[in-house]
Every structure is written in C-alpha cells, then in structure tokens.
Amino acid sequence: MLVFLGSVVMVVLAEMGDKTQLLAMAMATRFPARSVLLGVFAATVLNHALAVAAGGYLGTSLNLELIQMIASGSFILFGLWTIRGDSLDGEENRKTAWGPVITVAIAFFLAEMGDKTQLATVALAAKYSSPLATLAGTTTGMMIADALGIYIGVVAGGRIPEKAVKWLSALIFITFGYIGLYYSVPGEFVTIPYITGLIAATALAAYLAGRAGKKEEGTEETG
C-alpha cells in the first residue's frame, strides 16, 4: 500500500503541467471526454507496464533517447495532422466509436515515451520489488492528473472557436515535438542551420496542411 500511495503522489506531482497533461487537455477540445479518458488509460497501462518491466529487469540503465527521437518526430506529425483536420466520409458512427480512442492512445503513448513520468515509473520499479503496486499507483496518478487536464479542456473547448482550438492543439503537439527533439537529438545536429531548416519545413508543411483542410471543407460544403 505504501508503494502504491507513494507512486500515486510522485506521478501526480510529476504530471502536473507536463506535456502529456497538456496533450490530454488539447485532445479533450477535439474529442469526447470519455474517449480521451479511455485512450489515456489504455496508453498509460501499456506504457507504464513497459516501464515497470524495464525498471524490474534493467534498472535505470535503459536508454530511451532513440525512442524519444522517434516519438518527438511523430508528435510533430500529429500536429500537422491536426491542422489538416479529419474527413469522416459518412462514417461518423464508426469514427466516433473507435477513432478518437485509438488516436488518443497512440498520441499519448508516443508522448509518454521517454517522458519524466515514465522515467519515474522505471525508477520506482527499480527501487521497489512490487511491480503490480507500482503499475497501479503510477497509472492512478496519471489518471488523476490527466482527468483534471481533460476537464479543463472540455470547459475551455466549449468557449473557444473551433479554428482556434485546432491551431492551439497543433501548436502544443509541434512545440513539444521540438522540445523532445532538442533533448534527444545528438548535439552536433542541434545547430542554427538545422533548427532553422526544421522550423521552415514545419511551417511549409503546416501551410500545405491548412490549404488541404480548407479544400476538403469546401468540397464537403458544395457536396
């Protein structure tokens, strides 16, 4: 019980203001709160199960830099996808039932890879020989913190114009993708030319994604 409670407290504190809490907040402005919560729960259980296994068998020596690089790049792609928007093509029921949950779960899983809450879970599992209590505690802590983020996202989402919500969500995705790359990419690539090139490429991709989204909206309206 002490391991469980300690894990809950540690993860709640680590998650407050963290990028995954902000991600839950952003997702709640686009998808139903229950779908976001289910997606967060599924991703957290799988992600923290891996962290507990890593902590139990490999201690704190697991190197997640490459995984964090891939996750950060994918995060930028999620931002661009947000700008482009979705096309349901008459499949609203299926998309509503499954699409949001899977989308949130994938985005949240990638965002959590190499994040401080996952590393905290690895450290807790390495320190204590109670994998189930650690997994239950860290998962509960994540759900408490991210439920708060989802609530804020739902309240804010009802008062912010849809276009502003879309671009704000994309900005959150892309920003944290940049931050993740900054801390995971080898130092020789973190230079002004490379950074400028990445920003320029992202800006161009965002412009093209925005135009593609507008074109699809126009097609749907005329149809």
Protein backbone atom coordinates (compact mmCIF):
# COMPACT_ATOMS: atom_id res chain seq x y z
CA MET A 1 0.00 0.00 0.00
CA LEU A 2 2.86 2.40 0.77
CA VAL A 3 4.39 1.68 -2.64
CA PHE A 4 1.01 2.30 -4.28
CA LEU A 5 0.38 5.58 -2.47
CA GLY A 6 3.94 6.77 -2.99
CA SER A 7 3.67 6.03 -6.71
CA VAL A 8 0.38 7.92 -6.94
CA VAL A 9 1.77 11.02 -5.25
CA MET A 10 5.03 11.00 -7.19
CA VAL A 11 3.36 10.68 -10.61
CA VAL A 12 0.64 13.26 -9.87
CA LEU A 13 3.32 15.79 -8.92
CA ALA A 14 5.46 14.91 -11.95
CA GLU A 15 2.50 15.09 -14.34
CA MET A 16 1.15 18.49 -13.25
CA GLY A 17 1.92 20.87 -16.11
CA ASP A 18 3.70 18.11 -18.04
CA LYS A 19 3.35 17.77 -21.80
CA THR A 20 1.13 14.69 -21.52
CA GLN A 21 -1.31 16.53 -19.26
CA LEU A 22 -1.38 19.37 -21.79
CA LEU A 23 -1.90 16.77 -24.52
CA ALA A 24 -4.91 15.36 -22.66
CA MET A 25 -6.22 18.91 -22.33
CA ALA A 26 -5.77 19.56 -26.05
CA MET A 27 -7.35 16.24 -27.06
CA ALA A 28 -10.38 16.99 -24.88
CA THR A 29 -11.08 20.05 -27.04
CA ARG A 30 -11.39 17.80 -30.11
CA PHE A 31 -12.85 14.51 -28.89
CA PRO A 32 -15.45 13.40 -26.29
CA ALA A 33 -14.07 13.42 -22.76
CA ARG A 34 -14.86 9.73 -22.21
CA SER A 35 -12.99 8.74 -25.37
CA VAL A 36 -9.98 10.78 -24.30
CA LEU A 37 -10.04 9.23 -20.83
CA LEU A 38 -10.23 5.69 -22.27
CA GLY A 39 -7.39 6.42 -24.68
CA VAL A 40 -5.23 7.87 -21.91
CA PHE A 41 -5.95 4.87 -19.68
CA ALA A 42 -5.07 2.30 -22.36
CA ALA A 43 -1.86 4.12 -23.31
CA THR A 44 -0.84 4.61 -19.68
CA VAL A 45 -1.32 0.95 -18.73
CA LEU A 46 0.74 -0.26 -21.70
CA ASN A 47 3.41 2.42 -21.38
CA HIS A 48 3.87 2.03 -17.64
CA ALA A 49 3.81 -1.76 -17.89
CA LEU A 50 6.83 -1.45 -20.18
CA ALA A 51 8.42 0.98 -17.74
CA VAL A 52 7.84 -1.35 -14.79
CA ALA A 53 9.34 -4.25 -16.75
CA ALA A 54 12.33 -2.10 -17.68
CA GLY A 55 12.80 -0.99 -14.09
CA GLY A 56 12.49 -4.52 -12.78
CA TYR A 57 14.91 -6.19 -15.18
CA LEU A 58 17.18 -3.45 -16.48
CA GLY A 59 17.23 -0.98 -13.60
CA THR A 60 17.74 2.64 -14.60
CA SER A 61 20.23 1.88 -17.38
CA LEU A 62 17.64 1.76 -20.17
CA ASN A 63 18.48 4.30 -22.88
CA LEU A 64 15.34 5.84 -24.37
CA GLU A 65 16.97 8.56 -26.49
CA LEU A 66 16.26 6.89 -29.85
CA ILE A 67 12.69 6.11 -28.85
CA GLN A 68 12.22 9.70 -27.70
CA MET A 69 13.52 10.98 -31.05
CA ILE A 70 11.01 8.85 -32.94
CA ALA A 71 8.19 9.83 -30.58
CA SER A 72 9.05 13.54 -30.87
CA GLY A 73 9.05 13.38 -34.67
CA SER A 74 5.70 11.60 -34.61
CA PHE A 75 4.42 14.30 -32.28
CA ILE A 76 5.15 16.94 -34.93
CA LEU A 77 3.29 14.82 -37.48
CA PHE A 78 0.28 14.67 -35.13
CA GLY A 79 0.34 18.47 -35.04
CA LEU A 80 0.32 18.71 -38.83
CA TRP A 81 -2.48 16.15 -38.99
CA THR A 82 -4.47 18.30 -36.55
CA ILE A 83 -4.09 21.32 -38.83
CA ARG A 84 -5.28 19.36 -41.85
CA GLY A 85 -8.33 18.06 -39.99
CA ASP A 86 -10.42 14.94 -40.46
CA SER A 87 -12.74 13.71 -43.15
CA LEU A 88 -15.38 11.26 -41.93
CA ASP A 89 -16.76 10.38 -45.39
CA GLY A 90 -20.10 9.27 -43.98
CA GLU A 91 -18.60 7.03 -41.32
CA GLU A 92 -19.37 9.23 -38.32
CA ASN A 93 -20.60 6.42 -36.09
CA ARG A 94 -17.58 4.18 -36.56
CA LYS A 95 -15.18 7.08 -36.27
CA THR A 96 -16.80 8.32 -33.10
CA ALA A 97 -16.86 4.87 -31.53
CA TRP A 98 -13.25 3.87 -32.30
CA GLY A 99 -11.28 6.63 -33.98
CA PRO A 100 -10.88 9.04 -31.04
CA VAL A 101 -9.87 6.35 -28.53
CA ILE A 102 -7.21 4.85 -30.78
CA THR A 103 -5.96 8.27 -31.87
CA VAL A 104 -5.61 9.50 -28.29
CA ALA A 105 -4.00 6.24 -27.18
CA ILE A 106 -1.34 6.37 -29.92
CA ALA A 107 -0.57 10.07 -29.41
CA PHE A 108 -0.44 9.70 -25.64
CA PHE A 109 1.71 6.56 -25.81
CA LEU A 110 4.25 8.28 -28.07
CA ALA A 111 4.26 11.43 -25.93
CA GLU A 112 4.88 9.43 -22.76
CA MET A 113 7.88 7.54 -24.18
CA GLY A 114 10.98 8.95 -22.50
CA ASP A 115 8.88 11.44 -20.51
CA LYS A 116 9.70 12.15 -16.88
CA THR A 117 6.66 10.29 -15.61
CA GLN A 118 7.72 7.15 -17.47
CA LEU A 119 11.27 7.53 -16.17
CA ALA A 120 9.85 8.00 -12.68
CA THR A 121 7.97 4.73 -13.13
CA VAL A 122 11.19 2.99 -14.19
CA ALA A 123 12.95 4.36 -11.10
CA LEU A 124 10.12 3.30 -8.77
CA ALA A 125 10.04 -0.21 -10.23
CA ALA A 126 13.82 -0.46 -9.91
CA LYS A 127 13.72 0.67 -6.29
CA TYR A 128 10.82 -1.46 -5.07
CA SER A 129 10.10 -5.13 -5.79
CA SER A 130 6.35 -4.55 -6.15
CA PRO A 131 5.62 -4.32 -9.89
CA LEU A 132 1.82 -4.56 -9.59
CA ALA A 133 1.60 -1.93 -6.85
CA THR A 134 3.94 0.34 -8.82
CA LEU A 135 1.93 -0.07 -12.04
CA ALA A 136 -1.38 0.51 -10.25
CA GLY A 137 -0.03 3.56 -8.40
CA THR A 138 1.58 5.26 -11.39
CA THR A 139 -1.47 4.58 -13.58
CA THR A 140 -3.80 6.00 -10.92
CA GLY A 141 -1.59 9.07 -10.58
CA MET A 142 -1.65 9.65 -14.34
CA MET A 143 -5.42 9.31 -14.48
CA ILE A 144 -5.92 11.80 -11.64
CA ALA A 145 -3.66 14.43 -13.23
CA ASP A 146 -4.92 13.91 -16.79
CA ALA A 147 -8.58 13.80 -15.75
CA LEU A 148 -8.01 17.33 -14.46
CA GLY A 149 -6.47 18.28 -17.82
CA ILE A 150 -9.42 16.72 -19.67
CA TYR A 151 -11.90 18.64 -17.52
CA ILE A 152 -10.12 21.92 -18.27
CA GLY A 153 -10.03 21.03 -21.96
CA VAL A 154 -13.77 20.33 -22.03
CA VAL A 155 -14.61 23.61 -20.26
CA ALA A 156 -12.28 25.63 -22.49
CA GLY A 157 -13.28 23.79 -25.65
CA GLY A 158 -16.88 24.94 -25.36
CA ARG A 159 -15.83 28.59 -25.31
CA ILE A 160 -13.06 28.71 -27.91
CA PRO A 161 -13.79 28.84 -31.68
CA GLU A 162 -13.11 25.53 -33.47
CA LYS A 163 -10.39 27.01 -35.70
CA ALA A 164 -8.55 28.45 -32.70
CA VAL A 165 -8.82 25.11 -30.88
CA LYS A 166 -7.39 23.27 -33.89
CA TRP A 167 -4.38 25.56 -34.21
CA LEU A 168 -3.80 25.65 -30.45
CA SER A 169 -3.80 21.85 -30.33
CA ALA A 170 -1.42 21.68 -33.29
CA LEU A 171 0.88 24.23 -31.65
CA ILE A 172 1.03 22.14 -28.47
CA PHE A 173 1.85 19.00 -30.44
CA ILE A 174 4.57 20.65 -32.53
CA THR A 175 6.11 22.59 -29.64
CA PHE A 176 6.61 19.52 -27.52
CA GLY A 177 7.86 17.65 -30.56
CA TYR A 178 10.55 20.32 -30.91
CA ILE A 179 11.38 20.12 -27.22
CA GLY A 180 11.67 16.35 -27.37
CA LEU A 181 13.97 16.52 -30.39
CA TYR A 182 16.11 19.18 -28.73
CA TYR A 183 16.83 16.94 -25.76
CA SER A 184 17.18 13.65 -27.67
CA VAL A 185 18.99 14.52 -30.93
CA PRO A 186 22.81 14.34 -30.80
CA GLY A 187 24.40 17.71 -30.04
CA GLU A 188 26.14 18.07 -33.41
CA PHE A 189 22.72 18.35 -35.07
CA VAL A 190 21.38 20.99 -32.65
CA THR A 191 22.73 23.95 -34.61
CA ILE A 192 21.18 27.11 -36.05
CA PRO A 193 21.08 25.81 -39.67
CA TYR A 194 19.40 22.53 -38.69
CA ILE A 195 16.95 24.24 -36.35
CA THR A 196 16.09 26.86 -38.97
CA GLY A 197 15.61 24.17 -41.60
CA LEU A 198 13.30 22.17 -39.34
CA ILE A 199 11.20 25.23 -38.49
CA ALA A 200 10.97 26.21 -42.16
CA ALA A 201 9.97 22.68 -43.19
CA THR A 202 7.34 22.53 -40.45
CA ALA A 203 5.94 25.93 -41.41
CA LEU A 204 5.68 24.88 -45.07
CA ALA A 205 4.04 21.59 -44.11
CA ALA A 206 1.60 23.44 -41.83
CA TYR A 207 0.70 25.84 -44.66
CA LEU A 208 0.07 22.96 -47.08
CA ALA A 209 -1.92 21.05 -44.45
CA GLY A 210 -4.05 24.11 -43.80
CA ARG A 211 -4.77 24.55 -47.51
CA ALA A 212 -5.63 20.86 -47.86
CA GLY A 213 -8.03 21.13 -44.92
CA LYS A 214 -9.75 24.19 -46.40
CA LYS A 215 -10.07 22.45 -49.76
CA GLU A 216 -11.74 19.44 -48.15
CA GLU A 217 -14.09 21.69 -46.19
CA GLY A 218 -15.07 23.47 -49.40
CA THR A 219 -15.68 20.16 -51.15
CA GLU A 220 -17.89 18.92 -48.30
CA GLU A 221 -19.92 22.17 -48.31
CA THR A 222 -20.56 22.03 -52.07
CA GLY A 223 -21.36 18.32 -51.83
